[in-house]
Amino acid sequence: METTETAIALMERALALLDQDAQGRIACHLQNALDVAEDVAPVRSGEMLALDEETAFFDRMDASRASAGSA
């Protein structure tokens, strides 16, 4: 289990770096890998995030970018 958690942490860090460099196509594939690893259901057409989900998403992205920037 620790190996999976380490891999997820590394992928999140890589995703933050790719987002900073605007590598959208690569970042999309990495985001999909993260979703599979974390058993996150895909977003379906027409679905919208609730305000608290949207806030939590952007908070995670900001934290991930901050940790990638300090590396």
Protein backbone atom coordinates (compact mmCIF):
# COMPACT_ATOMS: atom_id res chain seq x y z
CA MET A 1 0.00 0.00 0.00
CA GLU A 2 2.86 2.39 0.78
CA THR A 3 4.17 1.96 -2.77
CA THR A 4 0.82 3.04 -4.22
CA GLU A 5 0.65 6.07 -1.93
CA THR A 6 4.19 7.07 -2.93
CA ALA A 7 3.34 6.69 -6.62
CA ILE A 8 0.23 8.82 -6.22
CA ALA A 9 2.19 11.53 -4.39
CA LEU A 10 4.81 11.56 -7.16
CA MET A 11 2.15 11.71 -9.88
CA GLU A 12 0.44 14.63 -8.10
CA ARG A 13 3.75 16.46 -7.96
CA ALA A 14 4.46 15.77 -11.63
CA LEU A 15 0.95 16.94 -12.54
CA ALA A 16 1.52 20.24 -10.75
CA LEU A 17 4.79 20.75 -12.66
CA LEU A 18 3.15 19.90 -15.99
CA ASP A 19 0.30 22.31 -15.23
CA GLN A 20 2.83 25.09 -14.62
CA ASP A 21 4.41 24.45 -18.02
CA ALA A 22 1.04 24.22 -19.79
CA GLN A 23 1.56 20.64 -20.98
CA GLY A 24 -2.18 20.03 -21.18
CA ARG A 25 -2.15 16.85 -23.22
CA ILE A 26 0.38 15.10 -20.99
CA ALA A 27 -1.32 16.43 -17.85
CA CYS A 28 -4.67 14.98 -18.98
CA HIS A 29 -3.20 11.49 -19.25
CA LEU A 30 -1.53 11.83 -15.86
CA GLN A 31 -4.77 13.09 -14.30
CA ASN A 32 -6.53 10.03 -15.69
CA ALA A 33 -3.87 7.77 -14.15
CA LEU A 34 -4.36 9.51 -10.80
CA ASP A 35 -8.13 9.09 -11.02
CA VAL A 36 -7.72 5.36 -11.72
CA ALA A 37 -5.19 4.94 -8.89
CA GLU A 38 -7.44 6.76 -6.43
CA ASP A 39 -10.64 5.07 -7.73
CA VAL A 40 -12.24 8.39 -8.71
CA ALA A 41 -15.23 8.11 -11.02
CA PRO A 42 -14.93 10.03 -14.30
CA VAL A 43 -16.96 13.17 -14.82
CA ARG A 44 -19.85 12.63 -17.19
CA SER A 45 -21.12 15.11 -19.74
CA GLY A 46 -23.38 17.67 -18.07
CA GLU A 47 -22.14 16.95 -14.54
CA MET A 48 -21.14 19.88 -12.41
CA LEU A 49 -19.18 20.08 -9.17
CA ALA A 50 -20.92 21.34 -6.08
CA LEU A 51 -19.41 24.57 -4.74
CA ASP A 52 -17.66 22.77 -1.86
CA GLU A 53 -16.23 20.17 -4.27
CA GLU A 54 -14.99 22.91 -6.59
CA THR A 55 -13.38 24.77 -3.68
CA ALA A 56 -11.71 21.57 -2.43
CA PHE A 57 -10.42 20.83 -5.95
CA PHE A 58 -8.79 24.24 -6.34
CA ASP A 59 -7.39 24.07 -2.80
CA ARG A 60 -5.72 20.75 -3.68
CA MET A 61 -4.38 22.17 -6.93
CA ASP A 62 -2.94 25.22 -5.15
CA ALA A 63 -1.30 23.04 -2.50
CA SER A 64 0.12 20.71 -5.14
CA ARG A 65 1.55 23.61 -7.15
CA ALA A 66 3.05 25.14 -4.02
CA SER A 67 4.77 21.89 -3.09
CA ALA A 68 6.06 21.43 -6.64
CA GLY A 69 7.38 24.98 -6.69
CA SER A 70 9.34 24.46 -3.48
CA ALA A 71 11.12 21.36 -4.83
